[in-house]
Amino acid sequence: MTPSNDNNPYLTPEELSARYHGRIAIRTLANWRCTGNGPKFTKIGGRILYLMSEVLAWEKARTVESTSNYGRRC
């Protein structure tokens, strides 16, 4: 599955983890699905799929200019 392919705009949990260079574990994504902290997802036939536009929207919502805007101190 190719994330940039217009014919298939979905990412699997494995592909989403790879997007973040493995720094977000597949298990973390599963936990986020349970708590509602991660990107919106679709479940089709028992498979979890992330729509790329939802991933981008989730990333954009978490983009900050500095750590002071994020609620942490340097």
N, C-alpha and C. Protein backbone atom coordinates (compact mmCIF):
# COMPACT_ATOMS: atom_id res chain seq x y z
N MET A 1 0.84 -1.17 0.00
CA MET A 1 0.00 0.00 0.00
C MET A 1 0.89 1.24 0.00
N THR A 2 0.69 2.11 -0.93
CA THR A 2 1.50 3.32 -1.05
C THR A 2 0.71 4.51 -0.54
N PRO A 3 1.19 5.20 0.52
CA PRO A 3 0.43 6.29 1.10
C PRO A 3 0.15 7.43 0.13
N SER A 4 1.06 7.73 -0.79
CA SER A 4 0.88 8.86 -1.68
C SER A 4 0.06 8.51 -2.92
N ASN A 5 -0.33 7.27 -3.06
CA ASN A 5 -1.12 6.83 -4.20
C ASN A 5 -2.55 7.37 -4.09
N ASP A 6 -2.99 8.15 -5.09
CA ASP A 6 -4.32 8.72 -5.06
C ASP A 6 -5.41 7.66 -5.09
N ASN A 7 -5.10 6.48 -5.62
CA ASN A 7 -6.08 5.41 -5.69
C ASN A 7 -6.25 4.70 -4.35
N ASN A 8 -5.34 4.92 -3.42
CA ASN A 8 -5.41 4.26 -2.12
C ASN A 8 -4.91 5.23 -1.05
N PRO A 9 -5.78 6.10 -0.57
CA PRO A 9 -5.36 7.14 0.37
C PRO A 9 -5.28 6.68 1.82
N TYR A 10 -5.24 5.38 2.05
CA TYR A 10 -5.24 4.85 3.41
C TYR A 10 -3.86 4.33 3.82
N LEU A 11 -3.59 4.41 5.13
CA LEU A 11 -2.38 3.84 5.72
C LEU A 11 -2.79 2.76 6.71
N THR A 12 -2.06 1.68 6.77
CA THR A 12 -2.24 0.68 7.81
C THR A 12 -1.52 1.19 9.06
N PRO A 13 -1.77 0.59 10.22
CA PRO A 13 -1.01 0.99 11.41
C PRO A 13 0.50 0.84 11.21
N GLU A 14 0.92 -0.19 10.50
CA GLU A 14 2.34 -0.39 10.23
C GLU A 14 2.92 0.74 9.39
N GLU A 15 2.15 1.17 8.38
CA GLU A 15 2.60 2.27 7.53
C GLU A 15 2.62 3.59 8.28
N LEU A 16 1.64 3.78 9.16
CA LEU A 16 1.61 5.02 9.94
C LEU A 16 2.80 5.05 10.90
N SER A 17 3.11 3.93 11.52
CA SER A 17 4.29 3.85 12.39
C SER A 17 5.56 4.15 11.60
N ALA A 18 5.65 3.60 10.40
CA ALA A 18 6.82 3.85 9.54
C ALA A 18 6.90 5.31 9.14
N ARG A 19 5.76 5.98 8.98
CA ARG A 19 5.74 7.40 8.64
C ARG A 19 6.50 8.21 9.70
N TYR A 20 6.41 7.75 10.95
CA TYR A 20 7.09 8.42 12.06
C TYR A 20 8.40 7.72 12.41
N HIS A 21 8.96 7.02 11.43
CA HIS A 21 10.25 6.34 11.55
C HIS A 21 10.27 5.36 12.73
N GLY A 22 9.13 4.74 13.00
CA GLY A 22 9.04 3.75 14.06
C GLY A 22 9.04 4.33 15.46
N ARG A 23 9.02 5.65 15.59
CA ARG A 23 9.07 6.28 16.92
C ARG A 23 7.72 6.22 17.63
N ILE A 24 6.66 5.94 16.88
CA ILE A 24 5.35 5.67 17.48
C ILE A 24 5.04 4.22 17.18
N ALA A 25 5.00 3.43 18.22
CA ALA A 25 4.81 1.98 18.07
C ALA A 25 3.39 1.66 17.63
N ILE A 26 3.24 0.53 16.98
CA ILE A 26 1.93 0.06 16.54
C ILE A 26 1.01 -0.11 17.76
N ARG A 27 1.59 -0.57 18.86
CA ARG A 27 0.81 -0.75 20.10
C ARG A 27 0.33 0.61 20.64
N THR A 28 1.16 1.63 20.50
CA THR A 28 0.75 2.98 20.91
C THR A 28 -0.43 3.45 20.08
N LEU A 29 -0.38 3.19 18.78
CA LEU A 29 -1.52 3.55 17.92
C LEU A 29 -2.79 2.84 18.39
N ALA A 30 -2.65 1.57 18.78
CA ALA A 30 -3.81 0.81 19.28
C ALA A 30 -4.34 1.44 20.57
N ASN A 31 -3.45 1.85 21.46
CA ASN A 31 -3.88 2.51 22.69
C ASN A 31 -4.58 3.83 22.37
N TRP A 32 -4.03 4.59 21.43
CA TRP A 32 -4.64 5.86 21.04
C TRP A 32 -6.02 5.64 20.46
N ARG A 33 -6.22 4.56 19.71
CA ARG A 33 -7.56 4.27 19.16
C ARG A 33 -8.55 4.06 20.29
N CYS A 34 -8.12 3.40 21.36
CA CYS A 34 -9.01 3.14 22.51
C CYS A 34 -9.33 4.41 23.28
N THR A 35 -8.36 5.30 23.38
CA THR A 35 -8.55 6.52 24.17
C THR A 35 -9.01 7.71 23.35
N GLY A 36 -8.96 7.60 22.03
CA GLY A 36 -9.37 8.69 21.16
C GLY A 36 -8.32 9.77 21.01
N ASN A 37 -7.05 9.46 21.31
CA ASN A 37 -5.98 10.45 21.22
C ASN A 37 -5.30 10.53 19.87
N GLY A 38 -5.43 9.53 19.06
CA GLY A 38 -4.73 9.49 17.79
C GLY A 38 -5.57 9.99 16.64
N PRO A 39 -5.05 9.83 15.43
CA PRO A 39 -5.82 10.25 14.26
C PRO A 39 -7.08 9.39 14.11
N LYS A 40 -8.09 9.98 13.49
CA LYS A 40 -9.32 9.21 13.22
C LYS A 40 -8.96 8.04 12.33
N PHE A 41 -9.70 6.95 12.49
CA PHE A 41 -9.43 5.74 11.72
C PHE A 41 -10.72 5.13 11.23
N THR A 42 -10.57 4.21 10.29
CA THR A 42 -11.69 3.47 9.73
C THR A 42 -11.42 1.99 9.96
N LYS A 43 -12.46 1.27 10.30
CA LYS A 43 -12.32 -0.18 10.46
C LYS A 43 -13.19 -0.84 9.41
N ILE A 44 -12.53 -1.58 8.51
CA ILE A 44 -13.23 -2.25 7.42
C ILE A 44 -12.82 -3.72 7.43
N GLY A 45 -13.79 -4.59 7.59
CA GLY A 45 -13.51 -6.01 7.58
C GLY A 45 -12.48 -6.43 8.62
N GLY A 46 -12.49 -5.77 9.76
CA GLY A 46 -11.55 -6.10 10.83
C GLY A 46 -10.19 -5.43 10.69
N ARG A 47 -9.96 -4.72 9.59
CA ARG A 47 -8.68 -4.02 9.37
C ARG A 47 -8.81 -2.57 9.78
N ILE A 48 -7.77 -2.07 10.43
CA ILE A 48 -7.70 -0.66 10.82
C ILE A 48 -6.99 0.09 9.70
N LEU A 49 -7.60 1.17 9.23
CA LEU A 49 -7.02 1.99 8.17
C LEU A 49 -7.14 3.46 8.56
N TYR A 50 -6.09 4.20 8.29
CA TYR A 50 -6.04 5.64 8.56
C TYR A 50 -6.11 6.38 7.23
N LEU A 51 -7.12 7.23 7.07
CA LEU A 51 -7.24 8.05 5.88
C LEU A 51 -6.15 9.13 5.95
N MET A 52 -5.36 9.27 4.90
CA MET A 52 -4.23 10.18 4.91
C MET A 52 -4.65 11.60 5.24
N SER A 53 -5.79 12.05 4.75
CA SER A 53 -6.24 13.41 5.06
C SER A 53 -6.51 13.58 6.55
N GLU A 54 -6.98 12.53 7.23
CA GLU A 54 -7.20 12.59 8.68
C GLU A 54 -5.87 12.63 9.43
N VAL A 55 -4.89 11.88 8.93
CA VAL A 55 -3.56 11.89 9.55
C VAL A 55 -2.96 13.29 9.43
N LEU A 56 -3.07 13.89 8.25
CA LEU A 56 -2.53 15.23 8.05
C LEU A 56 -3.24 16.26 8.94
N ALA A 57 -4.55 16.13 9.08
CA ALA A 57 -5.31 17.05 9.94
C ALA A 57 -4.90 16.87 11.40
N TRP A 58 -4.69 15.64 11.84
CA TRP A 58 -4.26 15.36 13.21
C TRP A 58 -2.88 15.95 13.45
N GLU A 59 -1.98 15.79 12.48
CA GLU A 59 -0.63 16.35 12.61
C GLU A 59 -0.70 17.88 12.68
N LYS A 60 -1.51 18.47 11.82
CA LYS A 60 -1.62 19.93 11.79
C LYS A 60 -2.14 20.47 13.12
N ALA A 61 -3.08 19.77 13.72
CA ALA A 61 -3.64 20.20 15.00
C ALA A 61 -2.61 20.16 16.11
N ARG A 62 -1.53 19.41 15.92
CA ARG A 62 -0.49 19.28 16.93
C ARG A 62 0.77 20.07 16.60
N THR A 63 0.71 20.85 15.53
CA THR A 63 1.85 21.65 15.13
C THR A 63 1.86 22.94 15.93
N VAL A 64 3.01 23.23 16.58
CA VAL A 64 3.15 24.42 17.41
C VAL A 64 4.40 25.18 17.00
N GLU A 65 4.48 26.44 17.38
CA GLU A 65 5.63 27.27 17.05
C GLU A 65 6.74 27.16 18.08
N SER A 66 6.38 26.89 19.34
CA SER A 66 7.40 26.76 20.38
C SER A 66 6.86 25.86 21.49
N THR A 67 7.75 25.44 22.36
CA THR A 67 7.32 24.59 23.46
C THR A 67 6.44 25.35 24.43
N SER A 68 6.56 26.68 24.50
CA SER A 68 5.69 27.45 25.39
C SER A 68 4.23 27.38 24.91
N ASN A 69 4.03 27.22 23.61
CA ASN A 69 2.67 27.07 23.07
C ASN A 69 2.14 25.68 23.31
N TYR A 70 2.99 24.75 23.67
CA TYR A 70 2.61 23.37 23.87
C TYR A 70 2.36 23.06 25.34
N GLY A 71 2.64 24.03 26.20
CA GLY A 71 2.39 23.82 27.62
C GLY A 71 3.57 23.25 28.39
N ARG A 72 4.73 23.20 27.77
CA ARG A 72 5.94 22.70 28.43
C ARG A 72 7.00 23.79 28.46
N ARG A 73 7.88 23.66 29.37
CA ARG A 73 9.02 24.57 29.44
C ARG A 73 10.24 23.88 28.84
N CYS A 74 11.15 24.66 28.25
CA CYS A 74 12.38 24.12 27.67
C CYS A 74 13.32 23.65 28.75
